[in-house]
Amino acid sequence: MSSTFRTATPEDIDTIVALVTSAYRGESSRAGWTNEADLVAGIRITPAMVRADMERERSSIILLERDGQLIACGHVADEDGAGYLGMFSVQPGLQGGGIGKLVLAEAERIVRDELGLKIMRMTVVDVREELIQFYERRGYARTGKFKPFPYDDERFGVPLRPDLKFVVMEKSLQQ
């Protein structure tokens, strides 16, 4: 089985939405360990949100395909002079097998080598301690900063808890 990276095109939007949704929401997400099914219900991402990320300046969505099938993705962008990683998703049944580490390394390479940025930043739902620890093992650190969860914007789903927020994490990409 060969795996290859490529940059997403508008023709990939529906497939990306399906992958991201399957990794984070609903019953299918429970096959993996990154799901938010007990924290947030409903929509995780819309086709319009994916298109907007594709059209942003200094922004792209990377896809990892195996034998022509989408198995993982991530959105990388220049956000206020730092690289940003979001929409990071791996097919639930394939999680835990090293695919996420490959996507993370490729995202960091793009931010460092193609965007010329020295820091990668991401946000993680603060109660996802296992996921935060995954990133910490890969060199990311909690910055002490938090961002509010968008409780008033159903484009991001319907929170099932009143106490959610995002922890901001960063990693230096300097060699």
N, C-alpha and C. Protein backbone atom coordinates (compact mmCIF):
# COMPACT_ATOMS: atom_id res chain seq x y z
N MET A 1 0.84 -1.18 0.00
CA MET A 1 0.00 0.00 0.00
C MET A 1 0.88 1.24 0.00
N SER A 2 0.67 2.11 -0.96
CA SER A 2 1.46 3.33 -1.00
C SER A 2 0.61 4.52 -0.56
N SER A 3 1.23 5.39 0.22
CA SER A 3 0.56 6.60 0.70
C SER A 3 1.26 7.81 0.10
N THR A 4 0.47 8.79 -0.32
CA THR A 4 1.04 10.00 -0.90
C THR A 4 0.29 11.23 -0.39
N PHE A 5 1.05 12.33 -0.26
CA PHE A 5 0.46 13.61 0.11
C PHE A 5 0.16 14.41 -1.15
N ARG A 6 -0.88 15.22 -1.08
CA ARG A 6 -1.16 16.19 -2.12
C ARG A 6 -1.98 17.32 -1.52
N THR A 7 -2.05 18.41 -2.25
CA THR A 7 -2.84 19.56 -1.82
C THR A 7 -4.27 19.39 -2.33
N ALA A 8 -5.23 19.68 -1.46
CA ALA A 8 -6.64 19.54 -1.82
C ALA A 8 -7.05 20.56 -2.88
N THR A 9 -8.03 20.16 -3.67
CA THR A 9 -8.65 21.02 -4.68
C THR A 9 -10.14 21.12 -4.36
N PRO A 10 -10.85 22.04 -4.99
CA PRO A 10 -12.29 22.15 -4.74
C PRO A 10 -13.06 20.83 -4.95
N GLU A 11 -12.57 19.97 -5.84
CA GLU A 11 -13.24 18.69 -6.08
C GLU A 11 -13.18 17.77 -4.86
N ASP A 12 -12.29 18.06 -3.91
CA ASP A 12 -12.12 17.23 -2.71
C ASP A 12 -13.00 17.66 -1.54
N ILE A 13 -13.70 18.76 -1.66
CA ILE A 13 -14.40 19.35 -0.51
C ILE A 13 -15.34 18.36 0.16
N ASP A 14 -16.22 17.71 -0.57
CA ASP A 14 -17.18 16.80 0.06
C ASP A 14 -16.49 15.63 0.76
N THR A 15 -15.42 15.13 0.18
CA THR A 15 -14.68 14.02 0.79
C THR A 15 -13.99 14.49 2.07
N ILE A 16 -13.48 15.70 2.08
CA ILE A 16 -12.85 16.25 3.28
C ILE A 16 -13.87 16.41 4.39
N VAL A 17 -15.02 16.99 4.07
CA VAL A 17 -16.08 17.16 5.07
C VAL A 17 -16.47 15.80 5.67
N ALA A 18 -16.60 14.80 4.82
CA ALA A 18 -16.97 13.46 5.32
C ALA A 18 -15.89 12.89 6.24
N LEU A 19 -14.62 13.04 5.87
CA LEU A 19 -13.53 12.53 6.71
C LEU A 19 -13.49 13.24 8.05
N VAL A 20 -13.52 14.56 8.03
CA VAL A 20 -13.43 15.33 9.28
C VAL A 20 -14.60 14.99 10.19
N THR A 21 -15.79 14.92 9.63
CA THR A 21 -16.97 14.58 10.42
C THR A 21 -16.83 13.19 11.01
N SER A 22 -16.37 12.22 10.23
CA SER A 22 -16.24 10.85 10.73
C SER A 22 -15.21 10.74 11.83
N ALA A 23 -14.20 11.60 11.81
CA ALA A 23 -13.14 11.55 12.82
C ALA A 23 -13.54 12.19 14.14
N TYR A 24 -14.48 13.12 14.12
CA TYR A 24 -14.80 13.88 15.32
C TYR A 24 -16.21 13.72 15.86
N ARG A 25 -17.17 13.43 15.00
CA ARG A 25 -18.56 13.46 15.44
C ARG A 25 -19.30 12.18 15.11
N GLY A 26 -20.35 11.92 15.86
CA GLY A 26 -21.23 10.80 15.58
C GLY A 26 -20.63 9.46 15.96
N GLU A 27 -21.40 8.42 15.71
CA GLU A 27 -21.01 7.07 16.11
C GLU A 27 -19.74 6.59 15.41
N SER A 28 -19.56 6.95 14.14
CA SER A 28 -18.37 6.47 13.42
C SER A 28 -17.09 6.96 14.08
N SER A 29 -17.14 8.12 14.71
CA SER A 29 -15.94 8.68 15.33
C SER A 29 -15.48 7.87 16.53
N ARG A 30 -16.38 7.11 17.13
CA ARG A 30 -16.03 6.34 18.34
C ARG A 30 -15.06 5.20 18.04
N ALA A 31 -14.86 4.88 16.77
CA ALA A 31 -13.87 3.86 16.41
C ALA A 31 -12.45 4.37 16.61
N GLY A 32 -12.28 5.68 16.67
CA GLY A 32 -10.97 6.28 16.89
C GLY A 32 -10.89 6.91 18.26
N TRP A 33 -9.75 7.48 18.58
CA TRP A 33 -9.59 8.08 19.91
C TRP A 33 -9.62 9.60 19.89
N THR A 34 -9.77 10.23 18.73
CA THR A 34 -9.76 11.69 18.67
C THR A 34 -11.16 12.29 18.66
N ASN A 35 -12.19 11.49 18.84
CA ASN A 35 -13.55 12.00 18.67
C ASN A 35 -13.95 12.99 19.76
N GLU A 36 -14.91 13.82 19.40
CA GLU A 36 -15.50 14.80 20.31
C GLU A 36 -16.98 14.49 20.53
N ALA A 37 -17.39 13.26 20.24
CA ALA A 37 -18.81 12.92 20.22
C ALA A 37 -19.51 13.16 21.55
N ASP A 38 -18.79 13.06 22.66
CA ASP A 38 -19.41 13.30 23.96
C ASP A 38 -19.32 14.76 24.40
N LEU A 39 -18.66 15.58 23.59
CA LEU A 39 -18.46 16.99 23.93
C LEU A 39 -19.29 17.93 23.06
N VAL A 40 -19.39 17.58 21.78
CA VAL A 40 -20.06 18.45 20.82
C VAL A 40 -20.85 17.57 19.84
N ALA A 41 -22.09 17.95 19.57
CA ALA A 41 -22.92 17.23 18.61
C ALA A 41 -23.05 18.05 17.34
N GLY A 42 -23.53 17.38 16.31
CA GLY A 42 -23.84 18.10 15.07
C GLY A 42 -22.64 18.31 14.17
N ILE A 43 -22.67 19.40 13.46
CA ILE A 43 -21.70 19.71 12.41
C ILE A 43 -20.32 19.95 13.00
N ARG A 44 -19.30 19.45 12.33
CA ARG A 44 -17.90 19.76 12.71
C ARG A 44 -17.32 20.76 11.72
N ILE A 45 -17.71 20.63 10.45
CA ILE A 45 -17.21 21.53 9.42
C ILE A 45 -18.18 21.49 8.24
N THR A 46 -18.26 22.59 7.53
CA THR A 46 -19.15 22.67 6.37
C THR A 46 -18.34 22.79 5.09
N PRO A 47 -18.95 22.47 3.94
CA PRO A 47 -18.24 22.68 2.68
C PRO A 47 -17.79 24.13 2.51
N ALA A 48 -18.60 25.09 2.95
CA ALA A 48 -18.22 26.50 2.82
C ALA A 48 -16.97 26.82 3.64
N MET A 49 -16.85 26.23 4.82
CA MET A 49 -15.67 26.46 5.65
C MET A 49 -14.42 25.87 4.99
N VAL A 50 -14.55 24.69 4.40
CA VAL A 50 -13.41 24.07 3.72
C VAL A 50 -12.99 24.94 2.53
N ARG A 51 -13.96 25.39 1.76
CA ARG A 51 -13.66 26.24 0.59
C ARG A 51 -12.97 27.52 1.04
N ALA A 52 -13.44 28.12 2.12
CA ALA A 52 -12.83 29.36 2.61
C ALA A 52 -11.37 29.12 3.02
N ASP A 53 -11.09 27.99 3.65
CA ASP A 53 -9.70 27.66 4.01
C ASP A 53 -8.84 27.48 2.77
N MET A 54 -9.39 26.88 1.73
CA MET A 54 -8.65 26.68 0.48
C MET A 54 -8.33 28.02 -0.19
N GLU A 55 -9.25 28.96 -0.09
CA GLU A 55 -9.12 30.23 -0.80
C GLU A 55 -8.32 31.27 -0.04
N ARG A 56 -8.07 31.04 1.24
CA ARG A 56 -7.28 31.99 2.03
C ARG A 56 -5.86 32.08 1.49
N GLU A 57 -5.28 33.25 1.60
CA GLU A 57 -3.89 33.43 1.20
C GLU A 57 -2.99 32.70 2.20
N ARG A 58 -1.92 32.06 1.69
CA ARG A 58 -0.95 31.31 2.50
C ARG A 58 -1.66 30.26 3.37
N SER A 59 -2.49 29.49 2.71
CA SER A 59 -3.30 28.48 3.37
C SER A 59 -3.51 27.32 2.40
N SER A 60 -3.45 26.10 2.92
CA SER A 60 -3.76 24.94 2.08
C SER A 60 -4.24 23.79 2.96
N ILE A 61 -4.91 22.87 2.32
CA ILE A 61 -5.34 21.65 2.99
C ILE A 61 -4.53 20.52 2.39
N ILE A 62 -3.83 19.80 3.26
CA ILE A 62 -3.04 18.67 2.78
C ILE A 62 -3.83 17.39 2.98
N LEU A 63 -3.73 16.53 1.99
CA LEU A 63 -4.42 15.25 2.03
C LEU A 63 -3.39 14.13 2.00
N LEU A 64 -3.66 13.08 2.76
CA LEU A 64 -2.86 11.87 2.67
C LEU A 64 -3.78 10.79 2.12
N GLU A 65 -3.37 10.24 0.99
CA GLU A 65 -4.16 9.20 0.34
C GLU A 65 -3.39 7.89 0.32
N ARG A 66 -4.12 6.81 0.45
CA ARG A 66 -3.55 5.48 0.32
C ARG A 66 -4.36 4.76 -0.74
N ASP A 67 -3.66 4.34 -1.77
CA ASP A 67 -4.31 3.65 -2.89
C ASP A 67 -5.52 4.43 -3.41
N GLY A 68 -5.35 5.76 -3.51
CA GLY A 68 -6.39 6.62 -4.06
C GLY A 68 -7.51 6.99 -3.11
N GLN A 69 -7.47 6.52 -1.87
CA GLN A 69 -8.51 6.83 -0.88
C GLN A 69 -7.98 7.82 0.15
N LEU A 70 -8.78 8.82 0.48
CA LEU A 70 -8.40 9.80 1.48
C LEU A 70 -8.39 9.14 2.86
N ILE A 71 -7.24 9.19 3.55
CA ILE A 71 -7.16 8.59 4.89
C ILE A 71 -6.85 9.62 5.97
N ALA A 72 -6.37 10.82 5.59
CA ALA A 72 -6.06 11.83 6.59
C ALA A 72 -5.96 13.20 5.91
N CYS A 73 -6.13 14.24 6.72
CA CYS A 73 -5.99 15.59 6.19
C CYS A 73 -5.61 16.55 7.31
N GLY A 74 -5.21 17.74 6.91
CA GLY A 74 -4.92 18.81 7.85
C GLY A 74 -4.90 20.13 7.11
N HIS A 75 -5.29 21.18 7.79
CA HIS A 75 -5.27 22.53 7.22
C HIS A 75 -4.08 23.27 7.80
N VAL A 76 -3.22 23.79 6.95
CA VAL A 76 -2.09 24.59 7.40
C VAL A 76 -2.22 26.00 6.82
N ALA A 77 -1.84 26.98 7.65
CA ALA A 77 -1.98 28.37 7.21
C ALA A 77 -1.04 29.26 8.00
N ASP A 78 -0.78 30.42 7.43
CA ASP A 78 -0.06 31.48 8.13
C ASP A 78 -1.12 32.26 8.88
N GLU A 79 -1.04 32.23 10.20
CA GLU A 79 -2.00 32.94 11.03
C GLU A 79 -1.24 33.87 11.97
N ASP A 80 -1.24 35.13 11.64
CA ASP A 80 -0.55 36.14 12.45
C ASP A 80 0.93 35.83 12.62
N GLY A 81 1.58 35.38 11.54
CA GLY A 81 3.02 35.15 11.56
C GLY A 81 3.47 33.84 12.14
N ALA A 82 2.52 32.97 12.47
CA ALA A 82 2.85 31.62 12.94
C ALA A 82 2.08 30.63 12.08
N GLY A 83 2.63 29.43 11.94
CA GLY A 83 1.89 28.39 11.25
C GLY A 83 0.73 27.95 12.11
N TYR A 84 -0.35 27.60 11.48
CA TYR A 84 -1.52 27.09 12.21
C TYR A 84 -1.92 25.75 11.61
N LEU A 85 -2.19 24.79 12.47
CA LEU A 85 -2.69 23.49 12.03
C LEU A 85 -4.08 23.29 12.58
N GLY A 86 -5.01 22.99 11.70
CA GLY A 86 -6.38 22.70 12.09
C GLY A 86 -6.95 21.61 11.20
N MET A 87 -8.19 21.24 11.45
CA MET A 87 -8.88 20.24 10.63
C MET A 87 -8.07 18.94 10.52
N PHE A 88 -7.25 18.66 11.50
CA PHE A 88 -6.36 17.51 11.50
C PHE A 88 -7.20 16.27 11.78
N SER A 89 -7.30 15.39 10.78
CA SER A 89 -8.20 14.23 10.87
C SER A 89 -7.58 13.00 10.24
N VAL A 90 -7.81 11.86 10.89
CA VAL A 90 -7.41 10.55 10.38
C VAL A 90 -8.63 9.66 10.44
N GLN A 91 -8.83 8.83 9.43
CA GLN A 91 -9.96 7.89 9.44
C GLN A 91 -9.97 7.17 10.79
N PRO A 92 -11.14 7.12 11.46
CA PRO A 92 -11.20 6.54 12.79
C PRO A 92 -10.60 5.13 12.91
N GLY A 93 -10.86 4.26 11.97
CA GLY A 93 -10.34 2.90 12.05
C GLY A 93 -8.84 2.79 11.85
N LEU A 94 -8.21 3.86 11.38
CA LEU A 94 -6.76 3.86 11.14
C LEU A 94 -5.99 4.65 12.20
N GLN A 95 -6.70 5.25 13.14
CA GLN A 95 -6.04 6.03 14.18
C GLN A 95 -5.21 5.12 15.08
N GLY A 96 -4.10 5.65 15.55
CA GLY A 96 -3.22 4.89 16.42
C GLY A 96 -2.16 4.11 15.68
N GLY A 97 -2.12 4.24 14.35
CA GLY A 97 -1.17 3.48 13.55
C GLY A 97 -0.04 4.30 12.97
N GLY A 98 0.13 5.54 13.41
CA GLY A 98 1.23 6.37 12.95
C GLY A 98 0.89 7.33 11.83
N ILE A 99 -0.32 7.27 11.30
CA ILE A 99 -0.71 8.15 10.20
C ILE A 99 -0.74 9.61 10.66
N GLY A 100 -1.27 9.85 11.83
CA GLY A 100 -1.32 11.21 12.35
C GLY A 100 0.07 11.82 12.49
N LYS A 101 1.03 11.02 12.91
CA LYS A 101 2.40 11.51 13.05
C LYS A 101 2.96 11.93 11.68
N LEU A 102 2.62 11.17 10.64
CA LEU A 102 3.07 11.53 9.28
C LEU A 102 2.47 12.85 8.83
N VAL A 103 1.18 13.02 9.06
CA VAL A 103 0.51 14.26 8.65
C VAL A 103 1.06 15.44 9.44
N LEU A 104 1.26 15.26 10.73
CA LEU A 104 1.80 16.32 11.56
C LEU A 104 3.19 16.73 11.07
N ALA A 105 4.04 15.77 10.76
CA ALA A 105 5.39 16.07 10.25
C ALA A 105 5.32 16.80 8.91
N GLU A 106 4.42 16.39 8.03
CA GLU A 106 4.28 17.07 6.73
C GLU A 106 3.76 18.49 6.92
N ALA A 107 2.81 18.69 7.82
CA ALA A 107 2.29 20.03 8.09
C ALA A 107 3.41 20.93 8.62
N GLU A 108 4.22 20.41 9.53
CA GLU A 108 5.33 21.18 10.08
C GLU A 108 6.35 21.51 8.98
N ARG A 109 6.61 20.57 8.09
CA ARG A 109 7.55 20.80 6.99
C ARG A 109 7.04 21.92 6.09
N ILE A 110 5.76 21.90 5.75
CA ILE A 110 5.18 22.92 4.88
C ILE A 110 5.27 24.30 5.55
N VAL A 111 4.92 24.36 6.81
CA VAL A 111 4.95 25.65 7.52
C VAL A 111 6.38 26.18 7.59
N ARG A 112 7.33 25.30 7.89
CA ARG A 112 8.74 25.72 8.02
C ARG A 112 9.37 26.03 6.65
N ASP A 113 9.25 25.09 5.72
CA ASP A 113 9.99 25.18 4.46
C ASP A 113 9.28 25.98 3.37
N GLU A 114 7.98 25.90 3.30
CA GLU A 114 7.25 26.58 2.24
C GLU A 114 6.69 27.94 2.67
N LEU A 115 6.21 28.02 3.91
CA LEU A 115 5.68 29.29 4.39
C LEU A 115 6.75 30.11 5.11
N GLY A 116 7.88 29.46 5.46
CA GLY A 116 8.99 30.17 6.08
C GLY A 116 8.72 30.65 7.50
N LEU A 117 7.89 29.92 8.23
CA LEU A 117 7.52 30.31 9.59
C LEU A 117 8.27 29.46 10.61
N LYS A 118 8.48 30.03 11.80
CA LYS A 118 9.31 29.37 12.81
C LYS A 118 8.53 28.73 13.93
N ILE A 119 7.23 28.94 13.97
CA ILE A 119 6.40 28.40 15.04
C ILE A 119 5.15 27.77 14.43
N MET A 120 4.74 26.63 14.97
CA MET A 120 3.46 26.01 14.62
C MET A 120 2.55 26.17 15.83
N ARG A 121 1.31 26.56 15.57
CA ARG A 121 0.33 26.78 16.63
C ARG A 121 -0.92 25.96 16.32
N MET A 122 -1.58 25.55 17.36
CA MET A 122 -2.86 24.86 17.20
C MET A 122 -3.71 25.10 18.44
N THR A 123 -4.99 24.81 18.31
CA THR A 123 -5.88 24.87 19.47
C THR A 123 -6.52 23.50 19.63
N VAL A 124 -6.68 23.10 20.90
CA VAL A 124 -7.26 21.80 21.24
C VAL A 124 -8.30 22.03 22.33
N VAL A 125 -9.43 21.36 22.24
CA VAL A 125 -10.44 21.47 23.29
C VAL A 125 -9.77 21.07 24.61
N ASP A 126 -9.89 21.94 25.60
CA ASP A 126 -9.10 21.80 26.83
C ASP A 126 -9.37 20.53 27.63
N VAL A 127 -10.52 19.94 27.50
CA VAL A 127 -10.82 18.71 28.26
C VAL A 127 -10.32 17.45 27.55
N ARG A 128 -9.70 17.60 26.39
CA ARG A 128 -9.16 16.47 25.63
C ARG A 128 -7.72 16.18 26.06
N GLU A 129 -7.53 15.81 27.31
CA GLU A 129 -6.20 15.66 27.89
C GLU A 129 -5.35 14.64 27.13
N GLU A 130 -5.94 13.53 26.68
CA GLU A 130 -5.18 12.52 25.95
C GLU A 130 -4.64 13.09 24.63
N LEU A 131 -5.44 13.90 23.96
CA LEU A 131 -5.01 14.51 22.71
C LEU A 131 -3.94 15.58 22.97
N ILE A 132 -4.12 16.37 24.02
CA ILE A 132 -3.11 17.36 24.39
C ILE A 132 -1.78 16.66 24.67
N GLN A 133 -1.82 15.54 25.38
CA GLN A 133 -0.59 14.80 25.68
C GLN A 133 0.06 14.23 24.41
N PHE A 134 -0.75 13.82 23.43
CA PHE A 134 -0.22 13.37 22.14
C PHE A 134 0.64 14.47 21.52
N TYR A 135 0.12 15.71 21.52
CA TYR A 135 0.87 16.82 20.95
C TYR A 135 2.09 17.17 21.80
N GLU A 136 1.96 17.08 23.11
CA GLU A 136 3.11 17.36 23.97
C GLU A 136 4.25 16.38 23.70
N ARG A 137 3.92 15.12 23.44
CA ARG A 137 4.96 14.13 23.12
C ARG A 137 5.65 14.46 21.79
N ARG A 138 5.04 15.28 20.98
CA ARG A 138 5.61 15.67 19.69
C ARG A 138 6.21 17.07 19.74
N GLY A 139 6.46 17.58 20.93
CA GLY A 139 7.16 18.84 21.08
C GLY A 139 6.30 20.08 21.25
N TYR A 140 4.99 19.94 21.27
CA TYR A 140 4.11 21.09 21.47
C TYR A 140 3.99 21.37 22.96
N ALA A 141 3.82 22.64 23.30
CA ALA A 141 3.68 23.04 24.70
C ALA A 141 2.45 23.93 24.85
N ARG A 142 1.82 23.82 25.98
CA ARG A 142 0.71 24.71 26.30
C ARG A 142 1.27 26.11 26.52
N THR A 143 0.65 27.09 25.92
CA THR A 143 1.15 28.46 26.02
C THR A 143 0.61 29.19 27.25
N GLY A 144 -0.40 28.62 27.88
CA GLY A 144 -1.07 29.30 28.98
C GLY A 144 -2.22 30.17 28.49
N LYS A 145 -2.38 30.24 27.16
CA LYS A 145 -3.46 31.03 26.57
C LYS A 145 -4.62 30.11 26.20
N PHE A 146 -5.81 30.68 26.24
CA PHE A 146 -7.02 29.95 25.88
C PHE A 146 -7.83 30.80 24.92
N LYS A 147 -8.64 30.12 24.10
CA LYS A 147 -9.59 30.80 23.23
C LYS A 147 -10.98 30.28 23.58
N PRO A 148 -11.97 31.12 23.49
CA PRO A 148 -13.33 30.67 23.84
C PRO A 148 -13.88 29.69 22.80
N PHE A 149 -14.69 28.77 23.25
CA PHE A 149 -15.40 27.88 22.34
C PHE A 149 -16.54 28.70 21.72
N PRO A 150 -16.80 28.53 20.41
CA PRO A 150 -17.85 29.34 19.76
C PRO A 150 -19.26 28.82 20.07
N TYR A 151 -19.70 29.01 21.30
CA TYR A 151 -21.01 28.52 21.74
C TYR A 151 -22.16 29.09 20.92
N ASP A 152 -21.99 30.29 20.39
CA ASP A 152 -23.08 30.94 19.68
C ASP A 152 -23.04 30.73 18.17
N ASP A 153 -22.20 29.79 17.70
CA ASP A 153 -22.05 29.58 16.26
C ASP A 153 -22.22 28.08 15.95
N GLU A 154 -23.42 27.71 15.52
CA GLU A 154 -23.72 26.30 15.28
C GLU A 154 -22.99 25.72 14.08
N ARG A 155 -22.24 26.56 13.32
CA ARG A 155 -21.42 26.01 12.24
C ARG A 155 -20.35 25.09 12.80
N PHE A 156 -20.06 25.20 14.09
CA PHE A 156 -19.03 24.38 14.73
C PHE A 156 -19.63 23.28 15.60
N GLY A 157 -20.95 23.13 15.55
CA GLY A 157 -21.61 22.10 16.33
C GLY A 157 -22.33 22.67 17.54
N VAL A 158 -22.98 21.76 18.26
CA VAL A 158 -23.75 22.13 19.44
C VAL A 158 -23.04 21.53 20.66
N PRO A 159 -22.45 22.38 21.52
CA PRO A 159 -21.73 21.88 22.68
C PRO A 159 -22.66 21.13 23.63
N LEU A 160 -22.16 20.03 24.18
CA LEU A 160 -22.92 19.22 25.12
C LEU A 160 -22.51 19.51 26.56
N ARG A 161 -21.56 20.43 26.73
CA ARG A 161 -21.08 20.84 28.05
C ARG A 161 -20.95 22.36 28.06
N PRO A 162 -21.11 22.98 29.23
CA PRO A 162 -21.03 24.44 29.31
C PRO A 162 -19.63 24.99 29.56
N ASP A 163 -18.63 24.12 29.69
CA ASP A 163 -17.31 24.56 30.16
C ASP A 163 -16.19 24.40 29.14
N LEU A 164 -16.51 24.28 27.86
CA LEU A 164 -15.47 24.05 26.85
C LEU A 164 -14.74 25.32 26.46
N LYS A 165 -13.44 25.17 26.24
CA LYS A 165 -12.62 26.24 25.68
C LYS A 165 -11.45 25.57 24.98
N PHE A 166 -10.70 26.35 24.23
CA PHE A 166 -9.54 25.81 23.51
C PHE A 166 -8.26 26.22 24.22
N VAL A 167 -7.35 25.27 24.40
CA VAL A 167 -6.01 25.57 24.88
C VAL A 167 -5.15 25.81 23.65
N VAL A 168 -4.31 26.84 23.70
CA VAL A 168 -3.42 27.17 22.59
C VAL A 168 -2.08 26.48 22.86
N MET A 169 -1.60 25.74 21.86
CA MET A 169 -0.34 25.01 21.96
C MET A 169 0.58 25.49 20.84
N GLU A 170 1.89 25.47 21.11
CA GLU A 170 2.87 25.89 20.11
C GLU A 170 4.09 24.99 20.12
N LYS A 171 4.77 24.98 18.98
CA LYS A 171 6.03 24.24 18.84
C LYS A 171 6.97 25.08 17.98
N SER A 172 8.24 25.18 18.41
CA SER A 172 9.25 25.83 17.59
C SER A 172 9.63 24.89 16.45
N LEU A 173 9.72 25.43 15.25
CA LEU A 173 10.10 24.64 14.09
C LEU A 173 11.53 24.93 13.66
N GLN A 174 12.24 25.71 14.45
CA GLN A 174 13.64 26.02 14.11
C GLN A 174 14.48 24.79 14.34
N GLN A 175 15.43 24.59 13.42
CA GLN A 175 16.27 23.39 13.51
C GLN A 175 17.55 23.66 14.26
